[in-house]
C-alpha atoms as a PDB file:
ATOM      1  CA  MET A   1     -18.291   5.984  19.946  1.00  0.00           C
ATOM      2  CA  PRO A   2     -16.625   6.623  16.559  1.00  0.00           C
ATOM      3  CA  SER A   3     -13.135   7.973  16.118  1.00  0.00           C
ATOM      4  CA  PRO A   4     -13.101  11.655  17.151  1.00  0.00           C
ATOM      5  CA  PHE A   5     -10.964  12.745  14.202  1.00  0.00           C
ATOM      6  CA  PRO A   6     -12.268  13.287  10.658  1.00  0.00           C
ATOM      7  CA  GLY A   7      -9.220  11.689   9.012  1.00  0.00           C
ATOM      8  CA  MET A   8      -6.372   9.553  10.280  1.00  0.00           C
ATOM      9  CA  ASN A   9      -6.510   8.934  14.030  1.00  0.00           C
ATOM     10  CA  HIS A  10      -2.894   9.662  14.981  1.00  0.00           C
ATOM     11  CA  TYR A  11      -3.213   7.694  18.233  1.00  0.00           C
ATOM     12  CA  LEU A  12      -3.332   4.543  16.098  1.00  0.00           C
ATOM     13  CA  GLU A  13       0.233   5.255  14.951  1.00  0.00           C
ATOM     14  CA  ASN A  14       1.682   4.269  18.325  1.00  0.00           C
ATOM     15  CA  PRO A  15       4.287   1.566  17.521  1.00  0.00           C
ATOM     16  CA  GLU A  16       2.849  -0.667  20.242  1.00  0.00           C
ATOM     17  CA  LEU A  17      -0.632  -0.493  18.666  1.00  0.00           C
ATOM     18  CA  TRP A  18       0.144  -0.204  14.960  1.00  0.00           C
ATOM     19  CA  PRO A  19       0.757  -3.948  14.293  1.00  0.00           C
ATOM     20  CA  GLN A  20      -2.839  -4.648  15.389  1.00  0.00           C
ATOM     21  CA  VAL A  21      -4.195  -1.774  13.286  1.00  0.00           C
ATOM     22  CA  HIS A  22      -2.094  -2.889  10.308  1.00  0.00           C
ATOM     23  CA  ASN A  23      -3.425  -6.452  10.424  1.00  0.00           C
ATOM     24  CA  ARG A  24      -7.044  -5.393  10.923  1.00  0.00           C
ATOM     25  CA  LEU A  25      -6.850  -2.884   8.068  1.00  0.00           C
ATOM     26  CA  ILE A  26      -5.406  -5.471   5.684  1.00  0.00           C
ATOM     27  CA  VAL A  27      -8.269  -7.862   6.478  1.00  0.00           C
ATOM     28  CA  ALA A  28     -10.866  -5.075   6.193  1.00  0.00           C
ATOM     29  CA  MET A  29      -9.579  -4.112   2.733  1.00  0.00           C
ATOM     30  CA  ALA A  30      -9.635  -7.723   1.593  1.00  0.00           C
ATOM     31  CA  ASP A  31     -13.198  -8.207   2.825  1.00  0.00           C
ATOM     32  CA  ALA A  32     -14.328  -5.008   1.095  1.00  0.00           C
ATOM     33  CA  LEU A  33     -12.643  -5.856  -2.224  1.00  0.00           C
ATOM     34  CA  VAL A  34     -13.705  -9.489  -2.646  1.00  0.00           C
ATOM     35  CA  PRO A  35     -17.362  -8.725  -3.580  1.00  0.00           C
ATOM     36  CA  GLN A  36     -16.182  -6.070  -6.042  1.00  0.00           C
ATOM     37  CA  VAL A  37     -13.647  -8.135  -7.987  1.00  0.00           C
ATOM     38  CA  ARG A  38     -15.028 -11.682  -8.021  1.00  0.00           C
ATOM     39  CA  PRO A  39     -15.435 -13.912  -9.941  1.00  0.00           C
ATOM     40  CA  LYS A  40     -12.657 -12.654 -12.238  1.00  0.00           C
ATOM     41  CA  TYR A  41     -10.121 -11.981  -9.465  1.00  0.00           C
ATOM     42  CA  ARG A  42      -9.309 -13.226  -6.001  1.00  0.00           C
ATOM     43  CA  VAL A  43      -7.844 -11.272  -3.079  1.00  0.00           C
ATOM     44  CA  ASP A  44      -5.036 -13.030  -1.213  1.00  0.00           C
ATOM     45  CA  ILE A  45      -3.628 -11.959   2.144  1.00  0.00           C
ATOM     46  CA  GLU A  46       0.094 -12.635   1.976  1.00  0.00           C
ATOM     47  CA  LYS A  47       2.779 -12.313   4.647  1.00  0.00           C
ATOM     48  CA  ARG A  48       6.316 -11.065   4.366  1.00  0.00           C
ATOM     49  CA  VAL A  49       8.739 -12.314   7.031  1.00  0.00           C
ATOM     50  CA  TYR A  50      11.731 -10.324   8.233  1.00  0.00           C
ATOM     51  CA  SER A  51      14.327 -12.256  10.198  1.00  0.00           C
ATOM     52  CA  PHE A  52      17.346 -10.379  11.460  1.00  0.00           C
ATOM     53  CA  ALA A  53      19.568  -9.857  14.486  1.00  0.00           C
ATOM     54  CA  GLY A  54      21.513  -6.936  15.855  1.00  0.00           C
ATOM     55  CA  GLU A  55      18.836  -4.298  15.207  1.00  0.00           C
ATOM     56  CA  ASN A  56      16.791  -3.580  18.321  1.00  0.00           C
ATOM     57  CA  PRO A  57      17.824  -6.880  19.916  1.00  0.00           C
ATOM     58  CA  ILE A  58      15.416  -8.491  22.341  1.00  0.00           C
ATOM     59  CA  LEU A  59      15.865 -10.965  25.129  1.00  0.00           C
ATOM     60  CA  VAL A  60      14.089 -14.283  25.149  1.00  0.00           C
ATOM     61  CA  GLY A  61      12.997 -16.000  28.359  1.00  0.00           C
ATOM     62  CA  ILE A  62      13.432 -19.628  27.333  1.00  0.00           C
ATOM     63  CA  PRO A  63      16.871 -21.008  28.289  1.00  0.00           C
ATOM     64  CA  ASP A  64      18.592 -23.808  26.382  1.00  0.00           C
ATOM     65  CA  VAL A  65      19.472 -25.603  29.635  1.00  0.00           C
ATOM     66  CA  THR A  66      17.285 -25.676  32.707  1.00  0.00           C
ATOM     67  CA  VAL A  67      18.426 -26.722  36.179  1.00  0.00           C
ATOM     68  CA  VAL A  68      15.610 -28.163  38.270  1.00  0.00           C
ATOM     69  CA  ARG A  69      15.477 -29.488  41.796  1.00  0.00           C
ATOM     70  CA  SER A  70      15.395 -33.268  42.111  1.00  0.00           C
ATOM     71  CA  ARG A  71      12.164 -34.691  43.478  1.00  0.00           C
ATOM     72  CA  THR A  72      13.859 -37.731  45.064  1.00  0.00           C
ATOM     73  CA  GLN A  73      16.889 -36.213  46.743  1.00  0.00           C
ATOM     74  CA  THR A  74      15.765 -34.553  49.970  1.00  0.00           C
ATOM     75  CA  THR A  75      19.079 -34.329  51.863  1.00  0.00           C
ATOM     76  CA  PRO A  76      22.465 -33.312  50.533  1.00  0.00           C
ATOM     77  CA  ARG A  77      25.046 -36.055  49.974  1.00  0.00           C
ATOM     78  CA  GLU A  78      28.741 -35.829  50.695  1.00  0.00           C
ATOM     79  CA  SER A  79      30.879 -35.268  47.649  1.00  0.00           C
ATOM     80  CA  ASN A  80      34.612 -35.185  46.932  1.00  0.00           C
ATOM     81  CA  VAL A  81      34.107 -32.779  44.002  1.00  0.00           C
ATOM     82  CA  ALA A  82      35.587 -29.359  44.640  1.00  0.00           C
ATOM     83  CA  VAL A  83      33.181 -26.480  43.939  1.00  0.00           C
ATOM     84  CA  ALA A  84      34.650 -23.218  42.742  1.00  0.00           C
ATOM     85  CA  ALA A  85      33.620 -20.108  44.599  1.00  0.00           C
ATOM     86  CA  PRO A  86      31.223 -17.926  42.567  1.00  0.00           C
ATOM     87  CA  ALA A  87      32.535 -14.748  41.018  1.00  0.00           C
ATOM     88  CA  GLU A  88      32.005 -11.779  43.249  1.00  0.00           C
ATOM     89  CA  THR A  89      30.766  -9.438  40.538  1.00  0.00           C
ATOM     90  CA  ALA A  90      29.190  -9.720  37.099  1.00  0.00           C
ATOM     91  CA  VAL A  91      27.900  -7.208  34.619  1.00  0.00           C
ATOM     92  CA  LYS A  92      24.620  -7.497  32.756  1.00  0.00           C
ATOM     93  CA  VAL A  93      24.859  -7.601  28.979  1.00  0.00           C
ATOM     94  CA  LYS A  94      22.450  -8.170  26.119  1.00  0.00           C
ATOM     95  CA  VAL A  95      23.159 -10.581  23.308  1.00  0.00           C
ATOM     96  CA  PRO A  96      21.703 -10.238  19.793  1.00  0.00           C
ATOM     97  CA  VAL A  97      19.085 -12.850  19.033  1.00  0.00           C
ATOM     98  CA  PRO A  98      17.212 -13.357  15.747  1.00  0.00           C
ATOM     99  CA  LEU A  99      14.072 -11.242  15.567  1.00  0.00           C
ATOM    100  CA  GLU A 100      11.239 -12.317  13.282  1.00  0.00           C
ATOM    101  CA  LEU A 101       8.595  -9.866  12.097  1.00  0.00           C
ATOM    102  CA  ARG A 102       5.601 -10.734   9.948  1.00  0.00           C
ATOM    103  CA  GLU A 103       3.778  -8.130   7.866  1.00  0.00           C
ATOM    104  CA  GLY A 104       0.676  -8.665   5.792  1.00  0.00           C
ATOM    105  CA  TYR A 105      -0.087  -7.262   2.352  1.00  0.00           C
ATOM    106  CA  LEU A 106      -2.668  -7.925  -0.367  1.00  0.00           C
ATOM    107  CA  GLU A 107      -2.321  -9.437  -3.808  1.00  0.00           C
ATOM    108  CA  ILE A 108      -5.073  -9.248  -6.423  1.00  0.00           C
ATOM    109  CA  ARG A 109      -4.725 -12.312  -8.638  1.00  0.00           C
ATOM    110  CA  ASP A 110      -6.355 -13.431 -11.843  1.00  0.00           C
ATOM    111  CA  MET A 111      -8.690 -16.274 -10.906  1.00  0.00           C
ATOM    112  CA  ALA A 112      -7.960 -18.292 -14.050  1.00  0.00           C
ATOM    113  CA  LYS A 113      -4.156 -18.194 -14.199  1.00  0.00           C
ATOM    114  CA  GLY A 114      -3.158 -16.890 -10.780  1.00  0.00           C
ATOM    115  CA  ASN A 115      -1.179 -13.950 -12.193  1.00  0.00           C
ATOM    116  CA  VAL A 116      -0.631 -11.073  -9.774  1.00  0.00           C
ATOM    117  CA  ILE A 117      -2.483  -8.027 -11.119  1.00  0.00           C
ATOM    118  CA  ALA A 118      -2.011  -5.614  -8.213  1.00  0.00           C
ATOM    119  CA  VAL A 119      -0.206  -5.437  -4.889  1.00  0.00           C
ATOM    120  CA  ILE A 120      -1.518  -3.358  -1.973  1.00  0.00           C
ATOM    121  CA  GLU A 121       0.968  -2.450   0.752  1.00  0.00           C
ATOM    122  CA  VAL A 122       0.309  -0.697   4.067  1.00  0.00           C
ATOM    123  CA  LEU A 123       3.629   0.604   5.354  1.00  0.00           C
ATOM    124  CA  SER A 124       4.899  -0.224   8.833  1.00  0.00           C
ATOM    125  CA  PRO A 125       7.605   1.411  10.997  1.00  0.00           C
ATOM    126  CA  THR A 126       9.997  -1.322   9.838  1.00  0.00           C
ATOM    127  CA  ASN A 127       9.658  -0.089   6.256  1.00  0.00           C
ATOM    128  CA  LYS A 128      10.300   3.553   7.177  1.00  0.00           C
ATOM    129  CA  ARG A 129      13.376   3.368   9.399  1.00  0.00           C
ATOM    130  CA  PRO A 130      16.950   2.512   8.362  1.00  0.00           C
ATOM    131  CA  GLY A 131      17.843  -1.155   8.566  1.00  0.00           C
ATOM    132  CA  LYS A 132      17.280  -4.512   6.992  1.00  0.00           C
ATOM    133  CA  GLY A 133      13.497  -4.233   7.080  1.00  0.00           C
ATOM    134  CA  ARG A 134      13.515  -1.148   4.873  1.00  0.00           C
ATOM    135  CA  GLU A 135      16.147  -2.642   2.586  1.00  0.00           C
ATOM    136  CA  MET A 136      14.095  -5.816   2.079  1.00  0.00           C
ATOM    137  CA  TYR A 137      10.925  -3.840   1.403  1.00  0.00           C
ATOM    138  CA  LEU A 138      12.651  -1.552  -1.113  1.00  0.00           C
ATOM    139  CA  GLU A 139      14.020  -4.595  -2.941  1.00  0.00           C
ATOM    140  CA  LYS A 140      10.537  -6.056  -3.225  1.00  0.00           C
ATOM    141  CA  ARG A 141       9.165  -2.649  -4.272  1.00  0.00           C
ATOM    142  CA  GLU A 142      11.716  -2.413  -7.072  1.00  0.00           C
ATOM    143  CA  VAL A 143      10.706  -5.854  -8.364  1.00  0.00           C
ATOM    144  CA  VAL A 144       7.040  -4.798  -8.520  1.00  0.00           C
ATOM    145  CA  LEU A 145       7.857  -1.449 -10.150  1.00  0.00           C
ATOM    146  CA  ALA A 146       9.943  -3.243 -12.791  1.00  0.00           C
ATOM    147  CA  SER A 147       6.956  -5.446 -13.706  1.00  0.00           C
ATOM    148  CA  HIS A 148       3.490  -4.809 -15.154  1.00  0.00           C
ATOM    149  CA  THR A 149       1.889  -5.298 -11.729  1.00  0.00           C
ATOM    150  CA  HIS A 150       0.067  -2.318 -10.255  1.00  0.00           C
ATOM    151  CA  LEU A 151       1.374  -1.078  -6.896  1.00  0.00           C
ATOM    152  CA  ILE A 152      -0.745   0.645  -4.251  1.00  0.00           C
ATOM    153  CA  GLU A 153       1.338   1.885  -1.321  1.00  0.00           C
ATOM    154  CA  ILE A 154      -0.442   3.327   1.724  1.00  0.00           C
ATOM    155  CA  ASP A 155       1.575   5.369   4.218  1.00  0.00           C
ATOM    156  CA  LEU A 156      -0.421   6.305   7.332  1.00  0.00           C
ATOM    157  CA  LEU A 157       2.617   6.899   9.545  1.00  0.00           C
ATOM    158  CA  ARG A 158       4.066  10.354  10.200  1.00  0.00           C
ATOM    159  CA  GLU A 159       7.325   9.085  11.635  1.00  0.00           C
ATOM    160  CA  GLY A 160      10.154   7.710   9.527  1.00  0.00           C
ATOM    161  CA  GLU A 161      11.574   8.203   6.058  1.00  0.00           C
ATOM    162  CA  PRO A 162       8.981   8.294   3.239  1.00  0.00           C
ATOM    163  CA  MET A 163       9.357   5.974   0.290  1.00  0.00           C
ATOM    164  CA  PRO A 164      11.487   7.438  -2.526  1.00  0.00           C
ATOM    165  CA  PHE A 165       9.991   9.221  -5.544  1.00  0.00           C
ATOM    166  CA  PHE A 166      11.652  11.289  -8.255  1.00  0.00           C
ATOM    167  CA  GLU A 167      10.060  14.367  -6.652  1.00  0.00           C
ATOM    168  CA  ASN A 168      10.586  14.095  -2.885  1.00  0.00           C
ATOM    169  CA  GLU A 169      10.010  17.735  -1.978  1.00  0.00           C
ATOM    170  CA  TYR A 170       6.430  17.140  -0.812  1.00  0.00           C
ATOM    171  CA  GLN A 171       6.104  17.787   2.926  1.00  0.00           C
ATOM    172  CA  THR A 172       2.975  16.038   4.124  1.00  0.00           C
ATOM    173  CA  ASN A 173       1.894  13.765   6.957  1.00  0.00           C
ATOM    174  CA  TYR A 174       0.471  10.896   4.907  1.00  0.00           C
ATOM    175  CA  ARG A 175       0.618   9.523   1.359  1.00  0.00           C
ATOM    176  CA  ILE A 176      -1.094   7.032  -0.922  1.00  0.00           C
ATOM    177  CA  LEU A 177       0.736   5.993  -4.081  1.00  0.00           C
ATOM    178  CA  VAL A 178      -1.153   4.404  -6.978  1.00  0.00           C
ATOM    179  CA  SER A 179       1.367   3.228  -9.574  1.00  0.00           C
ATOM    180  CA  ARG A 180      -0.240   1.634 -12.620  1.00  0.00           C
ATOM    181  CA  GLY A 181       1.902  -0.935 -14.355  1.00  0.00           C
ATOM    182  CA  ASP A 182       1.077   0.401 -17.825  1.00  0.00           C
ATOM    183  CA  ARG A 183       1.767   4.074 -17.006  1.00  0.00           C
ATOM    184  CA  ARG A 184       5.159   4.020 -15.297  1.00  0.00           C
ATOM    185  CA  PRO A 185       7.162   6.011 -14.479  1.00  0.00           C
ATOM    186  CA  THR A 186       4.149   8.302 -13.969  1.00  0.00           C
ATOM    187  CA  ALA A 187       2.071   7.538 -10.880  1.00  0.00           C
ATOM    188  CA  ASP A 188      -0.677   9.160  -8.819  1.00  0.00           C
ATOM    189  CA  LEU A 189       0.379  10.363  -5.367  1.00  0.00           C
ATOM    190  CA  TYR A 190      -2.371  11.378  -2.947  1.00  0.00           C
ATOM    191  CA  LEU A 191      -1.057  13.756  -0.280  1.00  0.00           C
ATOM    192  CA  PHE A 192      -2.957  14.628   2.884  1.00  0.00           C
ATOM    193  CA  ASN A 193      -2.363  15.891   6.399  1.00  0.00           C
ATOM    194  CA  LEU A 194      -3.790  15.179   9.815  1.00  0.00           C
ATOM    195  CA  PRO A 195      -6.887  17.442   9.585  1.00  0.00           C
ATOM    196  CA  ASN A 196      -7.849  16.040   6.149  1.00  0.00           C
ATOM    197  CA  GLU A 197     -10.067  13.070   5.414  1.00  0.00           C
ATOM    198  CA  ILE A 198      -8.253  10.160   3.800  1.00  0.00           C
ATOM    199  CA  PRO A 199      -8.896  10.392   0.041  1.00  0.00           C
ATOM    200  CA  LYS A 200     -10.681   7.625  -1.830  1.00  0.00           C
ATOM    201  CA  PHE A 201      -8.815   6.037  -4.728  1.00  0.00           C
ATOM    202  CA  SER A 202      -9.472   3.499  -7.482  1.00  0.00           C
ATOM    203  CA  LEU A 203      -7.852   0.080  -7.554  1.00  0.00           C
ATOM    204  CA  PRO A 204      -6.337  -0.467 -11.019  1.00  0.00           C
ATOM    205  CA  LEU A 205      -7.006  -3.842 -12.617  1.00  0.00           C
ATOM    206  CA  ARG A 206      -7.105  -4.545 -16.365  1.00  0.00           C
ATOM    207  CA  SER A 207      -8.059  -1.860 -18.862  1.00  0.00           C
ATOM    208  CA  GLU A 208     -11.466  -3.414 -19.598  1.00  0.00           C
ATOM    209  CA  ASP A 209     -12.461  -3.684 -15.917  1.00  0.00           C
ATOM    210  CA  VAL A 210     -14.546  -1.352 -13.795  1.00  0.00           C
ATOM    211  CA  GLU A 211     -12.171  -0.240 -11.067  1.00  0.00           C
ATOM    212  CA  PRO A 212     -13.308  -0.686  -7.453  1.00  0.00           C
ATOM    213  CA  VAL A 213     -13.071   2.393  -5.260  1.00  0.00           C
ATOM    214  CA  ILE A 214     -11.273   1.918  -1.942  1.00  0.00           C
ATOM    215  CA  ASP A 215     -12.747   4.102   0.799  1.00  0.00           C
ATOM    216  CA  LEU A 216      -9.861   3.818   3.218  1.00  0.00           C
ATOM    217  CA  GLN A 217     -11.405   6.340   5.606  1.00  0.00           C
ATOM    218  CA  ALA A 218     -14.540   4.243   6.068  1.00  0.00           C
ATOM    219  CA  LEU A 219     -12.473   1.080   6.455  1.00  0.00           C
ATOM    220  CA  LEU A 220     -10.274   2.667   9.126  1.00  0.00           C
ATOM    221  CA  HIS A 221     -13.309   3.958  11.031  1.00  0.00           C
ATOM    222  CA  GLY A 222     -14.726   0.434  10.874  1.00  0.00           C
ATOM    223  CA  VAL A 223     -11.507  -1.013  12.295  1.00  0.00           C
ATOM    224  CA  TYR A 224     -11.659   1.537  15.118  1.00  0.00           C
ATOM    225  CA  ASP A 225     -15.247   0.565  15.976  1.00  0.00           C
ATOM    226  CA  ARG A 226     -14.850  -3.216  15.771  1.00  0.00           C
ATOM    227  CA  ALA A 227     -11.636  -3.192  17.800  1.00  0.00           C
ATOM    228  CA  GLY A 228     -13.281  -1.153  20.553  1.00  0.00           C
ATOM    229  CA  TYR A 229     -10.538   1.457  20.525  1.00  0.00           C
ATOM    230  CA  ASP A 230     -12.995   4.035  21.844  1.00  0.00           C
ATOM    231  CA  TYR A 231     -12.892   2.133  25.154  1.00  0.00           C
ATOM    232  CA  THR A 232      -9.150   1.493  25.288  1.00  0.00           C
ATOM    233  CA  MET A 233      -7.719   4.738  23.890  1.00  0.00           C
ATOM    234  CA  ASP A 234      -6.515   7.212  26.512  1.00  0.00           C
ATOM    235  CA  TYR A 235      -6.941  10.626  24.888  1.00  0.00           C
ATOM    236  CA  SER A 236      -5.792  12.414  28.027  1.00  0.00           C
ATOM    237  CA  ARG A 237      -2.222  11.414  27.111  1.00  0.00           C
ATOM    238  CA  GLU A 238      -0.151  12.866  24.334  1.00  0.00           C
ATOM    239  CA  PRO A 239       0.157  10.694  21.215  1.00  0.00           C
ATOM    240  CA  VAL A 240       3.223   8.712  20.193  1.00  0.00           C
ATOM    241  CA  PRO A 241       4.869   9.932  18.021  1.00  0.00           C
ATOM    242  CA  ALA A 242       4.324  13.535  19.107  1.00  0.00           C
ATOM    243  CA  LEU A 243       2.523  16.085  16.939  1.00  0.00           C
ATOM    244  CA  SER A 244       3.773  19.398  15.689  1.00  0.00           C
ATOM    245  CA  GLU A 245       2.705  22.418  17.720  1.00  0.00           C
ATOM    246  CA  ALA A 246      -0.023  23.391  15.238  1.00  0.00           C
ATOM    247  CA  ASP A 247      -1.405  19.871  14.902  1.00  0.00           C
ATOM    248  CA  ALA A 248      -1.314  19.371  18.685  1.00  0.00           C
ATOM    249  CA  ALA A 249      -3.434  22.508  19.174  1.00  0.00           C
ATOM    250  CA  TRP A 250      -5.891  21.329  16.503  1.00  0.00           C
ATOM    251  CA  ALA A 251      -6.203  17.833  18.015  1.00  0.00           C
ATOM    252  CA  ASP A 252      -6.562  19.219  21.548  1.00  0.00           C
ATOM    253  CA  ALA A 253      -9.455  21.449  20.478  1.00  0.00           C
ATOM    254  CA  ILE A 254     -11.285  18.484  18.905  1.00  0.00           C
ATOM    255  CA  LEU A 255     -10.777  16.256  21.949  1.00  0.00           C
ATOM    256  CA  ARG A 256     -12.006  18.970  24.313  1.00  0.00           C
ATOM    257  CA  GLU A 257     -15.022  19.675  22.120  1.00  0.00           C
ATOM    258  CA  LYS A 258     -15.976  15.983  22.271  1.00  0.00           C
ATOM    259  CA  GLY A 259     -15.413  15.760  26.039  1.00  0.00           C
ATOM    260  CA  LEU A 260     -12.427  13.436  25.766  1.00  0.00           C
ATOM    261  CA  ARG A 261     -10.115  15.839  27.612  1.00  0.00           C
END
């Protein structure tokens, strides 16, 4: 069964599910672009690694020292070593440990020289919330925007702080930025909301090239089908993050019409 929504399926935005969706969408875009840009260009799937501690610390279950029971000693031996009595009370605390996150993105490279022609980014929650992850992404974004490399930035997440533009007054659920290296500071910003289909856009290459069209809506529907999300998605529950009152009513009507509620 295909995705019940005509545009972005907001249930895919759940932070527990999004890393899977993100990775599958990156691969789907790469697979769709390769036949359209070869033999002049190649499409590389690259990974950015965030390593930090102190933000959302996690606990790891592998101790540095393990105490195991001896296999040979079956009865206790007498000992002259005094054993201190255990403390009567202890409090549970969490310690910050390094957290490593890996995020994929695409680079379109010239086949002959290996020059990066375009970068395609799909934003993650790490990029949109305050902290080191956003800071690192913005630094990389600035480097690309200061070069002649085209930048395509896809934001399919309602939650979090949008990426900065000179005009930030646009209130919309989702955004796609197409920033051509030879036309900056002007860029094309596609704005759309939950009920809308995801707009198609052209991938800029060199001026003499025919630009491939990226049908992100079709790619996302394909990810939904191949991953079997129609079997695993529980549409009787409310989505995470929550919808506005108007969007919740719209989504509820669609789910009821399709017999999913």
